Amino acid sequence: QVIVISHLPQIAAFADRHYKINKTVVNGQTET
């Protein structure tokens, strides 16, 4: 089982499962 953090689409496109992580602001606090 392989888990990879990547900035390159050519790597992410090979994945069987894909998660996107981004920041949001909730009630004035930054959250992932």
Full PDB file with SEQRES, HELIX, SHEET, SSBOND, CRYST1, ORIGX, SCALE, CONECT and MASTER records, all heavy atoms in Angstrom:
SEQRES   1 A   32  GLN VAL ILE VAL ILE SER HIS LEU PRO GLN ILE ALA ALA          
SEQRES   2 A   32  PHE ALA ASP ARG HIS TYR LYS ILE ASN LYS THR VAL VAL          
SEQRES   3 A   32  ASN GLY GLN THR GLU THR                                      
HELIX    1 AA1 PRO A    9  ALA A   12  1                                   4    
SHEET    1 AA1 2 THR A  24  VAL A  26  0                                        
SHEET    2 AA1 2 GLN A  29  GLU A  31 -1                                        
CRYST1    1.000    1.000    1.000  90.00  90.00  90.00 P 1           1          
ORIGX1      1.000000  0.000000  0.000000        0.00000                         
ORIGX2      0.000000  1.000000  0.000000        0.00000                         
ORIGX3      0.000000  0.000000  1.000000        0.00000                         
SCALE1      1.000000  0.000000  0.000000        0.00000                         
SCALE2      0.000000  1.000000  0.000000        0.00000                         
SCALE3      0.000000  0.000000  1.000000        0.00000                         
ATOM      1  N   GLN A   1       0.870  -1.168   0.000  1.00  0.00           N  
ATOM      2  CA  GLN A   1       0.000   0.000   0.000  1.00  0.00           C  
ATOM      3  C   GLN A   1       0.916   1.230   0.000  1.00  0.00           C  
ATOM      4  O   GLN A   1       1.810   1.346   0.840  1.00  0.00           O  
ATOM      5  CB  GLN A   1      -0.882   0.007   1.250  1.00  0.00           C  
ATOM      6  CG  GLN A   1      -1.842   1.183   1.314  1.00  0.00           C  
ATOM      7  CD  GLN A   1      -2.570   1.229   2.642  1.00  0.00           C  
ATOM      8  OE1 GLN A   1      -1.958   1.023   3.692  1.00  0.00           O  
ATOM      9  NE2 GLN A   1      -3.864   1.499   2.617  1.00  0.00           N  
ATOM     10  N   VAL A   2       0.713   2.146  -0.957  1.00  0.00           N  
ATOM     11  CA  VAL A   2       1.595   3.300  -1.100  1.00  0.00           C  
ATOM     12  C   VAL A   2       0.785   4.581  -0.982  1.00  0.00           C  
ATOM     13  O   VAL A   2      -0.275   4.718  -1.609  1.00  0.00           O  
ATOM     14  CB  VAL A   2       2.346   3.278  -2.454  1.00  0.00           C  
ATOM     15  CG1 VAL A   2       3.228   4.520  -2.597  1.00  0.00           C  
ATOM     16  CG2 VAL A   2       3.193   2.012  -2.567  1.00  0.00           C  
ATOM     17  N   ILE A   3       1.283   5.512  -0.162  1.00  0.00           N  
ATOM     18  CA  ILE A   3       0.678   6.840  -0.003  1.00  0.00           C  
ATOM     19  C   ILE A   3       1.743   7.864  -0.363  1.00  0.00           C  
ATOM     20  O   ILE A   3       2.862   7.806   0.148  1.00  0.00           O  
ATOM     21  CB  ILE A   3       0.191   7.062   1.444  1.00  0.00           C  
ATOM     22  CG1 ILE A   3      -0.842   5.994   1.826  1.00  0.00           C  
ATOM     23  CG2 ILE A   3      -0.394   8.461   1.614  1.00  0.00           C  
ATOM     24  CD1 ILE A   3      -1.181   5.967   3.309  1.00  0.00           C  
ATOM     25  N   VAL A   4       1.391   8.817  -1.254  1.00  0.00           N  
ATOM     26  CA  VAL A   4       2.387   9.767  -1.724  1.00  0.00           C  
ATOM     27  C   VAL A   4       1.822  11.180  -1.662  1.00  0.00           C  
ATOM     28  O   VAL A   4       0.665  11.426  -2.023  1.00  0.00           O  
ATOM     29  CB  VAL A   4       2.856   9.435  -3.160  1.00  0.00           C  
ATOM     30  CG1 VAL A   4       1.710   9.434  -4.127  1.00  0.00           C  
ATOM     31  CG2 VAL A   4       3.935  10.400  -3.620  1.00  0.00           C  
ATOM     32  N   ILE A   5       2.634  12.123  -1.170  1.00  0.00           N  
ATOM     33  CA  ILE A   5       2.327  13.550  -1.263  1.00  0.00           C  
ATOM     34  C   ILE A   5       3.054  14.081  -2.484  1.00  0.00           C  
ATOM     35  O   ILE A   5       4.271  13.926  -2.603  1.00  0.00           O  
ATOM     36  CB  ILE A   5       2.771  14.301   0.001  1.00  0.00           C  
ATOM     37  CG1 ILE A   5       1.894  13.911   1.189  1.00  0.00           C  
ATOM     38  CG2 ILE A   5       2.712  15.803  -0.212  1.00  0.00           C  
ATOM     39  CD1 ILE A   5       2.278  14.584   2.485  1.00  0.00           C  
ATOM     40  N   SER A   6       2.308  14.723  -3.386  1.00  0.00           N  
ATOM     41  CA  SER A   6       2.928  15.149  -4.637  1.00  0.00           C  
ATOM     42  C   SER A   6       2.358  16.490  -5.098  1.00  0.00           C  
ATOM     43  O   SER A   6       1.196  16.817  -4.836  1.00  0.00           O  
ATOM     44  CB  SER A   6       2.706  14.093  -5.729  1.00  0.00           C  
ATOM     45  OG  SER A   6       3.281  14.517  -6.949  1.00  0.00           O  
ATOM     46  N   HIS A   7       3.215  17.247  -5.802  1.00  0.00           N  
ATOM     47  CA  HIS A   7       2.786  18.489  -6.449  1.00  0.00           C  
ATOM     48  C   HIS A   7       2.661  18.308  -7.957  1.00  0.00           C  
ATOM     49  O   HIS A   7       2.277  19.252  -8.647  1.00  0.00           O  
ATOM     50  CB  HIS A   7       3.805  19.602  -6.167  1.00  0.00           C  
ATOM     51  CG  HIS A   7       3.860  20.005  -4.724  1.00  0.00           C  
ATOM     52  ND1 HIS A   7       2.896  20.784  -4.132  1.00  0.00           N  
ATOM     53  CD2 HIS A   7       4.770  19.728  -3.758  1.00  0.00           C  
ATOM     54  CE1 HIS A   7       3.215  20.984  -2.862  1.00  0.00           C  
ATOM     55  NE2 HIS A   7       4.336  20.351  -2.616  1.00  0.00           N  
ATOM     56  N   LEU A   8       2.986  17.131  -8.457  1.00  0.00           N  
ATOM     57  CA  LEU A   8       3.024  16.922  -9.893  1.00  0.00           C  
ATOM     58  C   LEU A   8       1.823  16.105 -10.357  1.00  0.00           C  
ATOM     59  O   LEU A   8       1.545  15.019  -9.825  1.00  0.00           O  
ATOM     60  CB  LEU A   8       4.318  16.208 -10.300  1.00  0.00           C  
ATOM     61  CG  LEU A   8       5.604  17.006 -10.043  1.00  0.00           C  
ATOM     62  CD1 LEU A   8       6.815  16.179 -10.424  1.00  0.00           C  
ATOM     63  CD2 LEU A   8       5.595  18.317 -10.813  1.00  0.00           C  
ATOM     64  N   PRO A   9       1.101  16.587 -11.352  1.00  0.00           N  
ATOM     65  CA  PRO A   9      -0.088  15.859 -11.832  1.00  0.00           C  
ATOM     66  C   PRO A   9       0.260  14.517 -12.451  1.00  0.00           C  
ATOM     67  O   PRO A   9      -0.540  13.582 -12.404  1.00  0.00           O  
ATOM     68  CB  PRO A   9      -0.697  16.822 -12.860  1.00  0.00           C  
ATOM     69  CG  PRO A   9       0.449  17.690 -13.304  1.00  0.00           C  
ATOM     70  CD  PRO A   9       1.321  17.841 -12.104  1.00  0.00           C  
ATOM     71  N   GLN A  10       1.452  14.414 -13.070  1.00  0.00           N  
ATOM     72  CA  GLN A  10       1.830  13.145 -13.692  1.00  0.00           C  
ATOM     73  C   GLN A  10       1.936  12.018 -12.665  1.00  0.00           C  
ATOM     74  O   GLN A  10       1.739  10.850 -13.004  1.00  0.00           O  
ATOM     75  CB  GLN A  10       3.168  13.305 -14.431  1.00  0.00           C  
ATOM     76  CG  GLN A  10       3.123  14.231 -15.620  1.00  0.00           C  
ATOM     77  CD  GLN A  10       3.383  15.686 -15.243  1.00  0.00           C  
ATOM     78  OE1 GLN A  10       3.343  16.032 -14.060  1.00  0.00           O  
ATOM     79  NE2 GLN A  10       3.646  16.519 -16.241  1.00  0.00           N  
ATOM     80  N   ILE A  11       2.279  12.365 -11.421  1.00  0.00           N  
ATOM     81  CA  ILE A  11       2.346  11.357 -10.347  1.00  0.00           C  
ATOM     82  C   ILE A  11       0.951  11.106  -9.792  1.00  0.00           C  
ATOM     83  O   ILE A  11       0.517   9.958  -9.628  1.00  0.00           O  
ATOM     84  CB  ILE A  11       3.316  11.807  -9.254  1.00  0.00           C  
ATOM     85  CG1 ILE A  11       4.747  11.824  -9.796  1.00  0.00           C  
ATOM     86  CG2 ILE A  11       3.214  10.890  -8.027  1.00  0.00           C  
ATOM     87  CD1 ILE A  11       5.784  12.327  -8.808  1.00  0.00           C  
ATOM     88  N   ALA A  12       0.218  12.192  -9.496  1.00  0.00           N  
ATOM     89  CA  ALA A  12      -1.115  12.041  -8.912  1.00  0.00           C  
ATOM     90  C   ALA A  12      -2.056  11.285  -9.845  1.00  0.00           C  
ATOM     91  O   ALA A  12      -2.958  10.562  -9.392  1.00  0.00           O  
ATOM     92  CB  ALA A  12      -1.688  13.415  -8.580  1.00  0.00           C  
ATOM     93  N   ALA A  13      -1.840  11.430 -11.155  1.00  0.00           N  
ATOM     94  CA  ALA A  13      -2.738  10.772 -12.105  1.00  0.00           C  
ATOM     95  C   ALA A  13      -2.617   9.262 -12.066  1.00  0.00           C  
ATOM     96  O   ALA A  13      -3.517   8.545 -12.520  1.00  0.00           O  
ATOM     97  CB  ALA A  13      -2.458  11.293 -13.519  1.00  0.00           C  
ATOM     98  N   PHE A  14      -1.509   8.731 -11.557  1.00  0.00           N  
ATOM     99  CA  PHE A  14      -1.343   7.283 -11.445  1.00  0.00           C  
ATOM    100  C   PHE A  14      -2.126   6.705 -10.269  1.00  0.00           C  
ATOM    101  O   PHE A  14      -2.273   5.496 -10.141  1.00  0.00           O  
ATOM    102  CB  PHE A  14       0.138   6.938 -11.271  1.00  0.00           C  
ATOM    103  CG  PHE A  14       0.857   6.627 -12.545  1.00  0.00           C  
ATOM    104  CD1 PHE A  14       1.653   7.575 -13.159  1.00  0.00           C  
ATOM    105  CD2 PHE A  14       0.728   5.384 -13.149  1.00  0.00           C  
ATOM    106  CE1 PHE A  14       2.327   7.292 -14.340  1.00  0.00           C  
ATOM    107  CE2 PHE A  14       1.386   5.087 -14.333  1.00  0.00           C  
ATOM    108  CZ  PHE A  14       2.190   6.048 -14.934  1.00  0.00           C  
ATOM    109  N   ALA A  15      -2.613   7.555  -9.369  1.00  0.00           N  
ATOM    110  CA  ALA A  15      -3.178   7.090  -8.104  1.00  0.00           C  
ATOM    111  C   ALA A  15      -4.487   6.340  -8.303  1.00  0.00           C  
ATOM    112  O   ALA A  15      -5.285   6.660  -9.189  1.00  0.00           O  
ATOM    113  CB  ALA A  15      -3.394   8.260  -7.164  1.00  0.00           C  
ATOM    114  N   ASP A  16      -4.701   5.362  -7.443  1.00  0.00           N  
ATOM    115  CA  ASP A  16      -5.983   4.655  -7.399  1.00  0.00           C  
ATOM    116  C   ASP A  16      -6.988   5.412  -6.539  1.00  0.00           C  
ATOM    117  O   ASP A  16      -8.196   5.203  -6.654  1.00  0.00           O  
ATOM    118  CB  ASP A  16      -5.785   3.248  -6.825  1.00  0.00           C  
ATOM    119  CG  ASP A  16      -4.778   2.446  -7.623  1.00  0.00           C  
ATOM    120  OD1 ASP A  16      -5.046   2.205  -8.811  1.00  0.00           O  
ATOM    121  OD2 ASP A  16      -3.722   2.090  -7.070  1.00  0.00           O  
ATOM    122  N   ARG A  17      -6.479   6.266  -5.644  1.00  0.00           N  
ATOM    123  CA  ARG A  17      -7.328   7.060  -4.753  1.00  0.00           C  
ATOM    124  C   ARG A  17      -6.659   8.426  -4.603  1.00  0.00           C  
ATOM    125  O   ARG A  17      -5.440   8.501  -4.438  1.00  0.00           O  
ATOM    126  CB  ARG A  17      -7.458   6.349  -3.392  1.00  0.00           C  
ATOM    127  CG  ARG A  17      -8.395   7.029  -2.404  1.00  0.00           C  
ATOM    128  CD  ARG A  17      -8.460   6.203  -1.127  1.00  0.00           C  
ATOM    129  NE  ARG A  17      -9.092   4.918  -1.381  1.00  0.00           N  
ATOM    130  CZ  ARG A  17     -10.312   4.590  -1.002  1.00  0.00           C  
ATOM    131  NH1 ARG A  17     -11.050   5.463  -0.340  1.00  0.00           N  
ATOM    132  NH2 ARG A  17     -10.816   3.406  -1.263  1.00  0.00           N  
ATOM    133  N   HIS A  18      -7.457   9.488  -4.635  1.00  0.00           N  
ATOM    134  CA  HIS A  18      -6.898  10.841  -4.687  1.00  0.00           C  
ATOM    135  C   HIS A  18      -7.600  11.726  -3.650  1.00  0.00           C  
ATOM    136  O   HIS A  18      -8.825  11.825  -3.634  1.00  0.00           O  
ATOM    137  CB  HIS A  18      -7.093  11.422  -6.096  1.00  0.00           C  
ATOM    138  CG  HIS A  18      -6.355  12.697  -6.343  1.00  0.00           C  
ATOM    139  ND1 HIS A  18      -6.049  13.157  -7.602  1.00  0.00           N  
ATOM    140  CD2 HIS A  18      -5.866  13.640  -5.502  1.00  0.00           C  
ATOM    141  CE1 HIS A  18      -5.400  14.302  -7.514  1.00  0.00           C  
ATOM    142  NE2 HIS A  18      -5.296  14.620  -6.248  1.00  0.00           N  
ATOM    143  N   TYR A  19      -6.794  12.378  -2.792  1.00  0.00           N  
ATOM    144  CA  TYR A  19      -7.319  13.337  -1.826  1.00  0.00           C  
ATOM    145  C   TYR A  19      -6.728  14.711  -2.110  1.00  0.00           C  
ATOM    146  O   TYR A  19      -5.527  14.846  -2.382  1.00  0.00           O  
ATOM    147  CB  TYR A  19      -6.958  12.946  -0.389  1.00  0.00           C  
ATOM    148  CG  TYR A  19      -7.798  11.837   0.186  1.00  0.00           C  
ATOM    149  CD1 TYR A  19      -7.299  10.545   0.275  1.00  0.00           C  
ATOM    150  CD2 TYR A  19      -9.085  12.081   0.652  1.00  0.00           C  
ATOM    151  CE1 TYR A  19      -8.060   9.517   0.812  1.00  0.00           C  
ATOM    152  CE2 TYR A  19      -9.857  11.066   1.187  1.00  0.00           C  
ATOM    153  CZ  TYR A  19      -9.339   9.787   1.273  1.00  0.00           C  
ATOM    154  OH  TYR A  19     -10.098   8.776   1.799  1.00  0.00           O  
ATOM    155  N   LYS A  20      -7.558  15.724  -2.015  1.00  0.00           N  
ATOM    156  CA  LYS A  20      -7.095  17.107  -2.120  1.00  0.00           C  
ATOM    157  C   LYS A  20      -7.146  17.752  -0.743  1.00  0.00           C  
ATOM    158  O   LYS A  20      -8.173  17.667  -0.049  1.00  0.00           O  
ATOM    159  CB  LYS A  20      -7.971  17.898  -3.092  1.00  0.00           C  
ATOM    160  CG  LYS A  20      -7.560  19.364  -3.212  1.00  0.00           C  
ATOM    161  CD  LYS A  20      -8.509  20.129  -4.127  1.00  0.00           C  
ATOM    162  CE  LYS A  20      -8.130  21.610  -4.191  1.00  0.00           C  
ATOM    163  NZ  LYS A  20      -9.064  22.388  -5.044  1.00  0.00           N  
ATOM    164  N   ILE A  21      -6.049  18.390  -0.361  1.00  0.00           N  
ATOM    165  CA  ILE A  21      -5.963  19.064   0.929  1.00  0.00           C  
ATOM    166  C   ILE A  21      -5.887  20.565   0.671  1.00  0.00           C  
ATOM    167  O   ILE A  21      -5.065  21.026  -0.131  1.00  0.00           O  
ATOM    168  CB  ILE A  21      -4.729  18.609   1.732  1.00  0.00           C  
ATOM    169  CG1 ILE A  21      -4.870  17.120   2.128  1.00  0.00           C  
ATOM    170  CG2 ILE A  21      -4.563  19.424   2.993  1.00  0.00           C  
ATOM    171  CD1 ILE A  21      -4.298  16.171   1.158  1.00  0.00           C  
ATOM    172  N   ASN A  22      -6.774  21.335   1.322  1.00  0.00           N  
ATOM    173  CA  ASN A  22      -6.725  22.778   1.182  1.00  0.00           C  
ATOM    174  C   ASN A  22      -7.087  23.450   2.504  1.00  0.00           C  
ATOM    175  O   ASN A  22      -7.630  22.811   3.409  1.00  0.00           O  
ATOM    176  CB  ASN A  22      -7.656  23.253   0.058  1.00  0.00           C  
ATOM    177  CG  ASN A  22      -9.109  22.944   0.365  1.00  0.00           C  
ATOM    178  OD1 ASN A  22      -9.511  21.791   0.398  1.00  0.00           O  
ATOM    179  ND2 ASN A  22      -9.907  23.978   0.607  1.00  0.00           N  
ATOM    180  N   LYS A  23      -6.756  24.734   2.605  1.00  0.00           N  
ATOM    181  CA  LYS A  23      -7.029  25.505   3.814  1.00  0.00           C  
ATOM    182  C   LYS A  23      -8.324  26.292   3.644  1.00  0.00           C  
ATOM    183  O   LYS A  23      -8.610  26.815   2.576  1.00  0.00           O  
ATOM    184  CB  LYS A  23      -5.880  26.464   4.116  1.00  0.00           C  
ATOM    185  CG  LYS A  23      -4.616  25.800   4.595  1.00  0.00           C  
ATOM    186  CD  LYS A  23      -3.591  26.793   5.093  1.00  0.00           C  
ATOM    187  CE  LYS A  23      -3.097  27.700   3.978  1.00  0.00           C  
ATOM    188  NZ  LYS A  23      -1.969  28.554   4.431  1.00  0.00           N  
ATOM    189  N   THR A  24      -9.085  26.357   4.743  1.00  0.00           N  
ATOM    190  CA  THR A  24     -10.287  27.186   4.787  1.00  0.00           C  
ATOM    191  C   THR A  24     -10.251  28.001   6.073  1.00  0.00           C  
ATOM    192  O   THR A  24      -9.488  27.694   7.005  1.00  0.00           O  
ATOM    193  CB  THR A  24     -11.564  26.323   4.756  1.00  0.00           C  
ATOM    194  OG1 THR A  24     -11.569  25.460   5.913  1.00  0.00           O  
ATOM    195  CG2 THR A  24     -11.632  25.478   3.505  1.00  0.00           C  
ATOM    196  N   VAL A  25     -11.064  29.028   6.140  1.00  0.00           N  
ATOM    197  CA  VAL A  25     -11.184  29.850   7.354  1.00  0.00           C  
ATOM    198  C   VAL A  25     -12.583  29.669   7.901  1.00  0.00           C  
ATOM    199  O   VAL A  25     -13.578  29.957   7.212  1.00  0.00           O  
ATOM    200  CB  VAL A  25     -10.888  31.332   7.064  1.00  0.00           C  
ATOM    201  CG1 VAL A  25     -11.078  32.158   8.344  1.00  0.00           C  
ATOM    202  CG2 VAL A  25      -9.478  31.504   6.524  1.00  0.00           C  
ATOM    203  N   VAL A  26     -12.683  29.174   9.132  1.00  0.00           N  
ATOM    204  CA  VAL A  26     -13.956  28.923   9.792  1.00  0.00           C  
ATOM    205  C   VAL A  26     -13.969  29.702  11.098  1.00  0.00           C  
ATOM    206  O   VAL A  26     -13.110  29.487  11.966  1.00  0.00           O  
ATOM    207  CB  VAL A  26     -14.168  27.413  10.055  1.00  0.00           C  
ATOM    208  CG1 VAL A  26     -15.504  27.191  10.763  1.00  0.00           C  
ATOM    209  CG2 VAL A  26     -14.112  26.633   8.752  1.00  0.00           C  
ATOM    210  N   ASN A  27     -14.932  30.602  11.230  1.00  0.00           N  
ATOM    211  CA  ASN A  27     -15.051  31.429  12.434  1.00  0.00           C  
ATOM    212  C   ASN A  27     -13.725  32.121  12.778  1.00  0.00           C  
ATOM    213  O   ASN A  27     -13.295  32.174  13.935  1.00  0.00           O  
ATOM    214  CB  ASN A  27     -15.511  30.579  13.623  1.00  0.00           C  
ATOM    215  CG  ASN A  27     -16.889  29.990  13.416  1.00  0.00           C  
ATOM    216  OD1 ASN A  27     -17.749  30.625  12.786  1.00  0.00           O  
ATOM    217  ND2 ASN A  27     -17.104  28.776  13.916  1.00  0.00           N  
ATOM    218  N   GLY A  28     -13.070  32.606  11.742  1.00  0.00           N  
ATOM    219  CA  GLY A  28     -11.846  33.358  11.955  1.00  0.00           C  
ATOM    220  C   GLY A  28     -10.616  32.509  12.193  1.00  0.00           C  
ATOM    221  O   GLY A  28      -9.531  33.054  12.438  1.00  0.00           O  
ATOM    222  N   GLN A  29     -10.728  31.189  12.126  1.00  0.00           N  
ATOM    223  CA  GLN A  29      -9.592  30.301  12.349  1.00  0.00           C  
ATOM    224  C   GLN A  29      -9.311  29.479  11.101  1.00  0.00           C  
ATOM    225  O   GLN A  29     -10.239  29.010  10.427  1.00  0.00           O  
ATOM    226  CB  GLN A  29      -9.849  29.357  13.528  1.00  0.00           C  
ATOM    227  CG  GLN A  29      -9.754  30.028  14.888  1.00  0.00           C  
ATOM    228  CD  GLN A  29      -9.745  28.998  15.995  1.00  0.00           C  
ATOM    229  OE1 GLN A  29     -10.500  28.025  15.967  1.00  0.00           O  
ATOM    230  NE2 GLN A  29      -8.884  29.190  16.988  1.00  0.00           N  
ATOM    231  N   THR A  30      -8.000  29.307  10.811  1.00  0.00           N  
ATOM    232  CA  THR A  30      -7.595  28.525   9.647  1.00  0.00           C  
ATOM    233  C   THR A  30      -7.717  27.029   9.955  1.00  0.00           C  
ATOM    234  O   THR A  30      -7.287  26.565  11.010  1.00  0.00           O  
ATOM    235  CB  THR A  30      -6.145  28.855   9.261  1.00  0.00           C  
ATOM    236  OG1 THR A  30      -6.049  30.249   8.986  1.00  0.00           O  
ATOM    237  CG2 THR A  30      -5.722  28.057   8.040  1.00  0.00           C  
ATOM    238  N   GLU A  31      -8.314  26.313   9.011  1.00  0.00           N  
ATOM    239  CA  GLU A  31      -8.477  24.875   9.182  1.00  0.00           C  
ATOM    240  C   GLU A  31      -8.087  24.165   7.891  1.00  0.00           C  
ATOM    241  O   GLU A  31      -8.210  24.724   6.794  1.00  0.00           O  
ATOM    242  CB  GLU A  31      -9.926  24.503   9.533  1.00  0.00           C  
ATOM    243  CG  GLU A  31     -10.379  24.987  10.886  1.00  0.00           C  
ATOM    244  CD  GLU A  31     -11.788  24.516  11.205  1.00  0.00           C  
ATOM    245  OE1 GLU A  31     -12.361  23.755  10.377  1.00  0.00           O  
ATOM    246  OE2 GLU A  31     -12.316  24.904  12.262  1.00  0.00           O  
ATOM    247  N   THR A  32      -7.628  22.933   8.044  1.00  0.00           N  
ATOM    248  CA  THR A  32      -7.339  22.072   6.899  1.00  0.00           C  
ATOM    249  C   THR A  32      -8.573  21.238   6.566  1.00  0.00           C  
ATOM    250  O   THR A  32      -9.182  20.638   7.457  1.00  0.00           O  
ATOM    251  CB  THR A  32      -6.150  21.150   7.190  1.00  0.00           C  
ATOM    252  OG1 THR A  32      -4.959  21.932   7.291  1.00  0.00           O  
ATOM    253  CG2 THR A  32      -5.963  20.127   6.082  1.00  0.00           C  
TER     254      THR A  32                                                      
MASTER        0    0    0    1    2    0    0    6  253    1    0    3          
END                                                                             
